[in-house]
Amino acid sequence: MLTDCNNWNIMEYKVINITSAFKGKITTAGVLPIHSYGRKKILPKTAFLMSLWYISNNETFRQVSDRFNISKSSAYRTTKKIMTYLV
């Protein structure tokens, strides 16, 4: 268990690095849409963190969508795309 503030900073730094690296791969692989019209797109960082949150916690898509302020269908669709990409 992390109790030291310095360890938390190291873990936070690692998550940021992993997120940045994964964001580039998601963007170039075409996993998420790149359109410039319609509703606001879900950012790759948000998509990755939302998927990570979903698989690491016992929450429903309704709870995840409320937490990340997106619709339930977008939460499901985005998480499904990210998980399919990872597998």
PDB file of N, CA and C in Angstrom:
ATOM      1  N   MET A   1       0.841  -1.184   0.000  1.00  0.00           N
ATOM      2  CA  MET A   1       0.000   0.000   0.000  1.00  0.00           C
ATOM      3  C   MET A   1       0.885   1.245   0.000  1.00  0.00           C
ATOM      4  N   LEU A   2       0.504   2.208  -0.810  1.00  0.00           N
ATOM      5  CA  LEU A   2       1.289   3.431  -0.898  1.00  0.00           C
ATOM      6  C   LEU A   2       0.873   4.398   0.193  1.00  0.00           C
ATOM      7  N   THR A   3       1.815   4.709   1.060  1.00  0.00           N
ATOM      8  CA  THR A   3       1.529   5.690   2.105  1.00  0.00           C
ATOM      9  C   THR A   3       2.438   6.891   1.984  1.00  0.00           C
ATOM     10  N   ASP A   4       3.543   6.741   1.286  1.00  0.00           N
ATOM     11  CA  ASP A   4       4.508   7.823   1.150  1.00  0.00           C
ATOM     12  C   ASP A   4       4.118   8.707  -0.032  1.00  0.00           C
ATOM     13  N   CYS A   5       4.144   9.990   0.164  1.00  0.00           N
ATOM     14  CA  CYS A   5       3.775  10.942  -0.900  1.00  0.00           C
ATOM     15  C   CYS A   5       4.727  10.824  -2.091  1.00  0.00           C
ATOM     16  N   ASN A   6       6.002  10.559  -1.840  1.00  0.00           N
ATOM     17  CA  ASN A   6       6.970  10.425  -2.927  1.00  0.00           C
ATOM     18  C   ASN A   6       6.641   9.224  -3.812  1.00  0.00           C
ATOM     19  N   ASN A   7       6.222   8.116  -3.204  1.00  0.00           N
ATOM     20  CA  ASN A   7       5.833   6.941  -3.996  1.00  0.00           C
ATOM     21  C   ASN A   7       4.619   7.253  -4.856  1.00  0.00           C
ATOM     22  N   TRP A   8       3.671   7.997  -4.319  1.00  0.00           N
ATOM     23  CA  TRP A   8       2.495   8.349  -5.096  1.00  0.00           C
ATOM     24  C   TRP A   8       2.885   9.192  -6.301  1.00  0.00           C
ATOM     25  N   ASN A   9       3.813  10.104  -6.130  1.00  0.00           N
ATOM     26  CA  ASN A   9       4.253  10.925  -7.252  1.00  0.00           C
ATOM     27  C   ASN A   9       4.898  10.068  -8.332  1.00  0.00           C
ATOM     28  N   ILE A  10       5.662   9.057  -7.937  1.00  0.00           N
ATOM     29  CA  ILE A  10       6.284   8.149  -8.903  1.00  0.00           C
ATOM     30  C   ILE A  10       5.205   7.362  -9.642  1.00  0.00           C
ATOM     31  N   MET A  11       4.205   6.849  -8.912  1.00  0.00           N
ATOM     32  CA  MET A  11       3.125   6.098  -9.552  1.00  0.00           C
ATOM     33  C   MET A  11       2.318   6.996 -10.489  1.00  0.00           C
ATOM     34  N   GLU A  12       2.051   8.211 -10.060  1.00  0.00           N
ATOM     35  CA  GLU A  12       1.312   9.138 -10.905  1.00  0.00           C
ATOM     36  C   GLU A  12       2.106   9.449 -12.176  1.00  0.00           C
ATOM     37  N   TYR A  13       3.394   9.614 -12.046  1.00  0.00           N
ATOM     38  CA  TYR A  13       4.266   9.867 -13.195  1.00  0.00           C
ATOM     39  C   TYR A  13       4.222   8.691 -14.168  1.00  0.00           C
ATOM     40  N   LYS A  14       4.245   7.460 -13.647  1.00  0.00           N
ATOM     41  CA  LYS A  14       4.187   6.278 -14.509  1.00  0.00           C
ATOM     42  C   LYS A  14       2.858   6.195 -15.245  1.00  0.00           C
ATOM     43  N   VAL A  15       1.768   6.502 -14.563  1.00  0.00           N
ATOM     44  CA  VAL A  15       0.455   6.472 -15.207  1.00  0.00           C
ATOM     45  C   VAL A  15       0.386   7.511 -16.322  1.00  0.00           C
ATOM     46  N   ILE A  16       0.931   8.690 -16.074  1.00  0.00           N
ATOM     47  CA  ILE A  16       0.935   9.735 -17.095  1.00  0.00           C
ATOM     48  C   ILE A  16       1.756   9.302 -18.305  1.00  0.00           C
ATOM     49  N   ASN A  17       2.908   8.672 -18.074  1.00  0.00           N
ATOM     50  CA  ASN A  17       3.738   8.195 -19.191  1.00  0.00           C
ATOM     51  C   ASN A  17       3.044   7.101 -19.978  1.00  0.00           C
ATOM     52  N   ILE A  18       2.424   6.163 -19.284  1.00  0.00           N
ATOM     53  CA  ILE A  18       1.706   5.073 -19.960  1.00  0.00           C
ATOM     54  C   ILE A  18       0.544   5.645 -20.759  1.00  0.00           C
ATOM     55  N   THR A  19      -0.177   6.588 -20.160  1.00  0.00           N
ATOM     56  CA  THR A  19      -1.306   7.209 -20.845  1.00  0.00           C
ATOM     57  C   THR A  19      -0.862   7.929 -22.104  1.00  0.00           C
ATOM     58  N   SER A  20       0.243   8.662 -22.017  1.00  0.00           N
ATOM     59  CA  SER A  20       0.745   9.393 -23.186  1.00  0.00           C
ATOM     60  C   SER A  20       1.165   8.447 -24.305  1.00  0.00           C
ATOM     61  N   ALA A  21       1.848   7.370 -23.944  1.00  0.00           N
ATOM     62  CA  ALA A  21       2.282   6.401 -24.950  1.00  0.00           C
ATOM     63  C   ALA A  21       1.086   5.704 -25.589  1.00  0.00           C
ATOM     64  N   PHE A  22       0.120   5.329 -24.779  1.00  0.00           N
ATOM     65  CA  PHE A  22      -1.055   4.636 -25.278  1.00  0.00           C
ATOM     66  C   PHE A  22      -1.909   5.562 -26.122  1.00  0.00           C
ATOM     67  N   LYS A  23      -1.972   6.834 -25.744  1.00  0.00           N
ATOM     68  CA  LYS A  23      -2.748   7.820 -26.493  1.00  0.00           C
ATOM     69  C   LYS A  23      -2.268   7.910 -27.936  1.00  0.00           C
ATOM     70  N   GLY A  24      -0.967   7.917 -28.121  1.00  0.00           N
ATOM     71  CA  GLY A  24      -0.413   7.966 -29.467  1.00  0.00           C
ATOM     72  C   GLY A  24      -0.769   6.738 -30.281  1.00  0.00           C
ATOM     73  N   LYS A  25      -0.743   5.577 -29.643  1.00  0.00           N
ATOM     74  CA  LYS A  25      -1.071   4.334 -30.348  1.00  0.00           C
ATOM     75  C   LYS A  25      -2.547   4.272 -30.708  1.00  0.00           C
ATOM     76  N   ILE A  26      -3.416   4.733 -29.811  1.00  0.00           N
ATOM     77  CA  ILE A  26      -4.851   4.738 -30.101  1.00  0.00           C
ATOM     78  C   ILE A  26      -5.148   5.662 -31.277  1.00  0.00           C
ATOM     79  N   THR A  27      -4.520   6.824 -31.268  1.00  0.00           N
ATOM     80  CA  THR A  27      -4.777   7.818 -32.309  1.00  0.00           C
ATOM     81  C   THR A  27      -4.320   7.316 -33.674  1.00  0.00           C
ATOM     82  N   THR A  28      -3.139   6.724 -33.744  1.00  0.00           N
ATOM     83  CA  THR A  28      -2.620   6.268 -35.031  1.00  0.00           C
ATOM     84  C   THR A  28      -3.281   4.979 -35.501  1.00  0.00           C
ATOM     85  N   ALA A  29      -3.811   4.177 -34.583  1.00  0.00           N
ATOM     86  CA  ALA A  29      -4.449   2.919 -34.971  1.00  0.00           C
ATOM     87  C   ALA A  29      -5.875   3.110 -35.459  1.00  0.00           C
ATOM     88  N   GLY A  30      -6.433   4.293 -35.266  1.00  0.00           N
ATOM     89  CA  GLY A  30      -7.797   4.544 -35.719  1.00  0.00           C
ATOM     90  C   GLY A  30      -8.857   3.923 -34.841  1.00  0.00           C
ATOM     91  N   VAL A  31      -8.556   3.693 -33.578  1.00  0.00           N
ATOM     92  CA  VAL A  31      -9.518   3.094 -32.661  1.00  0.00           C
ATOM     93  C   VAL A  31     -10.640   4.069 -32.342  1.00  0.00           C
ATOM     94  N   LEU A  32     -10.287   5.327 -32.137  1.00  0.00           N
ATOM     95  CA  LEU A  32     -11.280   6.349 -31.829  1.00  0.00           C
ATOM     96  C   LEU A  32     -11.509   7.223 -33.054  1.00  0.00           C
ATOM     97  N   PRO A  33     -12.712   7.779 -33.200  1.00  0.00           N
ATOM     98  CA  PRO A  33     -12.998   8.610 -34.372  1.00  0.00           C
ATOM     99  C   PRO A  33     -12.178   9.895 -34.386  1.00  0.00           C
ATOM    100  N   ILE A  34     -11.899  10.380 -35.585  1.00  0.00           N
ATOM    101  CA  ILE A  34     -11.114  11.609 -35.721  1.00  0.00           C
ATOM    102  C   ILE A  34     -11.904  12.685 -36.472  1.00  0.00           C
ATOM    103  N   HIS A  35     -13.239  12.574 -36.479  1.00  0.00           N
ATOM    104  CA  HIS A  35     -14.070  13.538 -37.205  1.00  0.00           C
ATOM    105  C   HIS A  35     -14.012  14.908 -36.547  1.00  0.00           C
ATOM    106  N   SER A  36     -14.409  15.916 -37.289  1.00  0.00           N
ATOM    107  CA  SER A  36     -14.398  17.285 -36.774  1.00  0.00           C
ATOM    108  C   SER A  36     -15.809  17.872 -36.739  1.00  0.00           C
ATOM    109  N   TYR A  37     -16.813  17.036 -36.772  1.00  0.00           N
ATOM    110  CA  TYR A  37     -18.198  17.509 -36.784  1.00  0.00           C
ATOM    111  C   TYR A  37     -18.985  16.790 -35.696  1.00  0.00           C
ATOM    112  N   GLY A  38     -20.197  17.231 -35.468  1.00  0.00           N
ATOM    113  CA  GLY A  38     -21.079  16.575 -34.504  1.00  0.00           C
ATOM    114  C   GLY A  38     -20.705  16.892 -33.059  1.00  0.00           C
ATOM    115  N   ARG A  39     -21.018  15.947 -32.190  1.00  0.00           N
ATOM    116  CA  ARG A  39     -20.766  16.128 -30.768  1.00  0.00           C
ATOM    117  C   ARG A  39     -19.281  16.110 -30.462  1.00  0.00           C
ATOM    118  N   LYS A  40     -18.963  16.580 -29.289  1.00  0.00           N
ATOM    119  CA  LYS A  40     -17.577  16.629 -28.854  1.00  0.00           C
ATOM    120  C   LYS A  40     -17.013  15.205 -28.731  1.00  0.00           C
ATOM    121  N   LYS A  41     -15.814  15.004 -29.271  1.00  0.00           N
ATOM    122  CA  LYS A  41     -15.188  13.687 -29.236  1.00  0.00           C
ATOM    123  C   LYS A  41     -14.670  13.368 -27.843  1.00  0.00           C
ATOM    124  N   ILE A  42     -14.575  12.083 -27.554  1.00  0.00           N
ATOM    125  CA  ILE A  42     -13.952  11.644 -26.309  1.00  0.00           C
ATOM    126  C   ILE A  42     -12.451  11.607 -26.560  1.00  0.00           C
ATOM    127  N   LEU A  43     -11.709  12.306 -25.743  1.00  0.00           N
ATOM    128  CA  LEU A  43     -10.260  12.360 -25.912  1.00  0.00           C
ATOM    129  C   LEU A  43      -9.635  10.996 -25.665  1.00  0.00           C
ATOM    130  N   PRO A  44      -8.534  10.671 -26.361  1.00  0.00           N
ATOM    131  CA  PRO A  44      -7.878   9.380 -26.138  1.00  0.00           C
ATOM    132  C   PRO A  44      -7.476   9.155 -24.689  1.00  0.00           C
ATOM    133  N   LYS A  45      -7.011  10.204 -24.017  1.00  0.00           N
ATOM    134  CA  LYS A  45      -6.633  10.069 -22.609  1.00  0.00           C
ATOM    135  C   LYS A  45      -7.851   9.691 -21.764  1.00  0.00           C
ATOM    136  N   THR A  46      -8.973  10.345 -22.016  1.00  0.00           N
ATOM    137  CA  THR A  46     -10.203  10.047 -21.278  1.00  0.00           C
ATOM    138  C   THR A  46     -10.675   8.633 -21.575  1.00  0.00           C
ATOM    139  N   ALA A  47     -10.590   8.228 -22.834  1.00  0.00           N
ATOM    140  CA  ALA A  47     -11.008   6.881 -23.222  1.00  0.00           C
ATOM    141  C   ALA A  47     -10.165   5.831 -22.520  1.00  0.00           C
ATOM    142  N   PHE A  48      -8.861   6.042 -22.483  1.00  0.00           N
ATOM    143  CA  PHE A  48      -7.971   5.090 -21.828  1.00  0.00           C
ATOM    144  C   PHE A  48      -8.241   5.037 -20.328  1.00  0.00           C
ATOM    145  N   LEU A  49      -8.335   6.198 -19.685  1.00  0.00           N
ATOM    146  CA  LEU A  49      -8.561   6.225 -18.242  1.00  0.00           C
ATOM    147  C   LEU A  49      -9.932   5.661 -17.879  1.00  0.00           C
ATOM    148  N   MET A  50     -10.937   5.916 -18.704  1.00  0.00           N
ATOM    149  CA  MET A  50     -12.263   5.369 -18.455  1.00  0.00           C
ATOM    150  C   MET A  50     -12.250   3.850 -18.560  1.00  0.00           C
ATOM    151  N   SER A  51     -11.570   3.319 -19.563  1.00  0.00           N
ATOM    152  CA  SER A  51     -11.475   1.871 -19.724  1.00  0.00           C
ATOM    153  C   SER A  51     -10.701   1.248 -18.574  1.00  0.00           C
ATOM    154  N   LEU A  52      -9.622   1.894 -18.184  1.00  0.00           N
ATOM    155  CA  LEU A  52      -8.834   1.420 -17.052  1.00  0.00           C
ATOM    156  C   LEU A  52      -9.673   1.434 -15.777  1.00  0.00           C
ATOM    157  N   TRP A  53     -10.455   2.479 -15.589  1.00  0.00           N
ATOM    158  CA  TRP A  53     -11.323   2.578 -14.414  1.00  0.00           C
ATOM    159  C   TRP A  53     -12.364   1.469 -14.427  1.00  0.00           C
ATOM    160  N   TYR A  54     -12.956   1.216 -15.593  1.00  0.00           N
ATOM    161  CA  TYR A  54     -14.003   0.196 -15.694  1.00  0.00           C
ATOM    162  C   TYR A  54     -13.475  -1.197 -15.352  1.00  0.00           C
ATOM    163  N   ILE A  55     -12.304  -1.542 -15.882  1.00  0.00           N
ATOM    164  CA  ILE A  55     -11.805  -2.895 -15.625  1.00  0.00           C
ATOM    165  C   ILE A  55     -11.198  -3.061 -14.234  1.00  0.00           C
ATOM    166  N   SER A  56     -10.828  -1.943 -13.587  1.00  0.00           N
ATOM    167  CA  SER A  56     -10.211  -2.070 -12.269  1.00  0.00           C
ATOM    168  C   SER A  56     -11.194  -1.874 -11.121  1.00  0.00           C
ATOM    169  N   ASN A  57     -12.403  -1.441 -11.395  1.00  0.00           N
ATOM    170  CA  ASN A  57     -13.408  -1.229 -10.358  1.00  0.00           C
ATOM    171  C   ASN A  57     -14.679  -1.984 -10.700  1.00  0.00           C
ATOM    172  N   ASN A  58     -15.445  -2.242  -9.686  1.00  0.00           N
ATOM    173  CA  ASN A  58     -16.698  -2.961  -9.875  1.00  0.00           C
ATOM    174  C   ASN A  58     -17.835  -1.953 -10.016  1.00  0.00           C
ATOM    175  N   GLU A  59     -17.860  -1.253 -11.161  1.00  0.00           N
ATOM    176  CA  GLU A  59     -18.884  -0.253 -11.419  1.00  0.00           C
ATOM    177  C   GLU A  59     -19.619  -0.566 -12.713  1.00  0.00           C
ATOM    178  N   THR A  60     -20.853  -0.111 -12.784  1.00  0.00           N
ATOM    179  CA  THR A  60     -21.636  -0.283 -13.998  1.00  0.00           C
ATOM    180  C   THR A  60     -21.279   0.819 -14.995  1.00  0.00           C
ATOM    181  N   PHE A  61     -21.735   0.661 -16.226  1.00  0.00           N
ATOM    182  CA  PHE A  61     -21.496   1.700 -17.225  1.00  0.00           C
ATOM    183  C   PHE A  61     -22.221   2.988 -16.853  1.00  0.00           C
ATOM    184  N   ARG A  62     -23.317   2.863 -16.142  1.00  0.00           N
ATOM    185  CA  ARG A  62     -24.021   4.063 -15.696  1.00  0.00           C
ATOM    186  C   ARG A  62     -23.155   4.863 -14.723  1.00  0.00           C
ATOM    187  N   GLN A  63     -22.508   4.179 -13.799  1.00  0.00           N
ATOM    188  CA  GLN A  63     -21.641   4.857 -12.841  1.00  0.00           C
ATOM    189  C   GLN A  63     -20.403   5.436 -13.532  1.00  0.00           C
ATOM    190  N   VAL A  64     -19.831   4.684 -14.469  1.00  0.00           N
ATOM    191  CA  VAL A  64     -18.658   5.156 -15.206  1.00  0.00           C
ATOM    192  C   VAL A  64     -19.017   6.371 -16.045  1.00  0.00           C
ATOM    193  N   SER A  65     -20.172   6.313 -16.708  1.00  0.00           N
ATOM    194  CA  SER A  65     -20.568   7.454 -17.546  1.00  0.00           C
ATOM    195  C   SER A  65     -20.824   8.694 -16.700  1.00  0.00           C
ATOM    196  N   ASP A  66     -21.381   8.529 -15.511  1.00  0.00           N
ATOM    197  CA  ASP A  66     -21.562   9.672 -14.619  1.00  0.00           C
ATOM    198  C   ASP A  66     -20.217  10.231 -14.156  1.00  0.00           C
ATOM    199  N   ARG A  67     -19.288   9.352 -13.853  1.00  0.00           N
ATOM    200  CA  ARG A  67     -17.975   9.781 -13.373  1.00  0.00           C
ATOM    201  C   ARG A  67     -17.217  10.571 -14.441  1.00  0.00           C
ATOM    202  N   PHE A  68     -17.301  10.130 -15.705  1.00  0.00           N
ATOM    203  CA  PHE A  68     -16.559  10.776 -16.788  1.00  0.00           C
ATOM    204  C   PHE A  68     -17.404  11.745 -17.604  1.00  0.00           C
ATOM    205  N   ASN A  69     -18.651  11.943 -17.199  1.00  0.00           N
ATOM    206  CA  ASN A  69     -19.551  12.916 -17.803  1.00  0.00           C
ATOM    207  C   ASN A  69     -19.777  12.675 -19.308  1.00  0.00           C
ATOM    208  N   ILE A  70     -20.077  11.427 -19.644  1.00  0.00           N
ATOM    209  CA  ILE A  70     -20.440  11.064 -21.014  1.00  0.00           C
ATOM    210  C   ILE A  70     -21.666  10.165 -20.958  1.00  0.00           C
ATOM    211  N   SER A  71     -22.256   9.870 -22.096  1.00  0.00           N
ATOM    212  CA  SER A  71     -23.450   9.020 -22.106  1.00  0.00           C
ATOM    213  C   SER A  71     -23.072   7.562 -21.851  1.00  0.00           C
ATOM    214  N   LYS A  72     -24.091   6.786 -21.431  1.00  0.00           N
ATOM    215  CA  LYS A  72     -23.850   5.359 -21.165  1.00  0.00           C
ATOM    216  C   LYS A  72     -23.420   4.633 -22.433  1.00  0.00           C
ATOM    217  N   SER A  73     -24.059   4.972 -23.549  1.00  0.00           N
ATOM    218  CA  SER A  73     -23.724   4.280 -24.796  1.00  0.00           C
ATOM    219  C   SER A  73     -22.299   4.615 -25.245  1.00  0.00           C
ATOM    220  N   SER A  74     -21.878   5.858 -25.049  1.00  0.00           N
ATOM    221  CA  SER A  74     -20.508   6.237 -25.408  1.00  0.00           C
ATOM    222  C   SER A  74     -19.498   5.549 -24.496  1.00  0.00           C
ATOM    223  N   ALA A  75     -19.833   5.431 -23.212  1.00  0.00           N
ATOM    224  CA  ALA A  75     -18.941   4.733 -22.284  1.00  0.00           C
ATOM    225  C   ALA A  75     -18.777   3.273 -22.700  1.00  0.00           C
ATOM    226  N   TYR A  76     -19.888   2.628 -23.033  1.00  0.00           N
ATOM    227  CA  TYR A  76     -19.830   1.226 -23.467  1.00  0.00           C
ATOM    228  C   TYR A  76     -19.046   1.084 -24.772  1.00  0.00           C
ATOM    229  N   ARG A  77     -19.395   1.895 -25.758  1.00  0.00           N
ATOM    230  CA  ARG A  77     -18.770   1.795 -27.076  1.00  0.00           C
ATOM    231  C   ARG A  77     -17.263   2.061 -27.007  1.00  0.00           C
ATOM    232  N   THR A  78     -16.876   3.093 -26.276  1.00  0.00           N
ATOM    233  CA  THR A  78     -15.463   3.446 -26.173  1.00  0.00           C
ATOM    234  C   THR A  78     -14.683   2.383 -25.421  1.00  0.00           C
ATOM    235  N   THR A  79     -15.234   1.894 -24.310  1.00  0.00           N
ATOM    236  CA  THR A  79     -14.558   0.848 -23.541  1.00  0.00           C
ATOM    237  C   THR A  79     -14.422  -0.421 -24.368  1.00  0.00           C
ATOM    238  N   LYS A  80     -15.454  -0.754 -25.118  1.00  0.00           N
ATOM    239  CA  LYS A  80     -15.405  -1.939 -25.981  1.00  0.00           C
ATOM    240  C   LYS A  80     -14.300  -1.797 -27.043  1.00  0.00           C
ATOM    241  N   LYS A  81     -14.200  -0.612 -27.648  1.00  0.00           N
ATOM    242  CA  LYS A  81     -13.170  -0.381 -28.664  1.00  0.00           C
ATOM    243  C   LYS A  81     -11.769  -0.480 -28.073  1.00  0.00           C
ATOM    244  N   ILE A  82     -11.578   0.105 -26.898  1.00  0.00           N
ATOM    245  CA  ILE A  82     -10.261   0.065 -26.261  1.00  0.00           C
ATOM    246  C   ILE A  82      -9.906  -1.363 -25.870  1.00  0.00           C
ATOM    247  N   MET A  83     -10.857  -2.099 -25.299  1.00  0.00           N
ATOM    248  CA  MET A  83     -10.583  -3.489 -24.899  1.00  0.00           C
ATOM    249  C   MET A  83     -10.305  -4.370 -26.120  1.00  0.00           C
ATOM    250  N   THR A  84     -11.032  -4.160 -27.198  1.00  0.00           N
ATOM    251  CA  THR A  84     -10.791  -4.921 -28.427  1.00  0.00           C
ATOM    252  C   THR A  84      -9.398  -4.612 -28.963  1.00  0.00           C
ATOM    253  N   TYR A  85      -8.993  -3.365 -28.904  1.00  0.00           N
ATOM    254  CA  TYR A  85      -7.665  -2.980 -29.357  1.00  0.00           C
ATOM    255  C   TYR A  85      -6.576  -3.644 -28.502  1.00  0.00           C
ATOM    256  N   LEU A  86      -6.813  -3.695 -27.198  1.00  0.00           N
ATOM    257  CA  LEU A  86      -5.807  -4.280 -26.300  1.00  0.00           C
ATOM    258  C   LEU A  86      -5.682  -5.791 -26.472  1.00  0.00           C
ATOM    259  N   VAL A  87      -6.787  -6.436 -26.776  1.00  0.00           N
ATOM    260  CA  VAL A  87      -6.760  -7.891 -26.929  1.00  0.00           C
ATOM    261  C   VAL A  87      -6.245  -8.209 -28.304  1.00  0.00           C
TER     262      VAL A  87
END
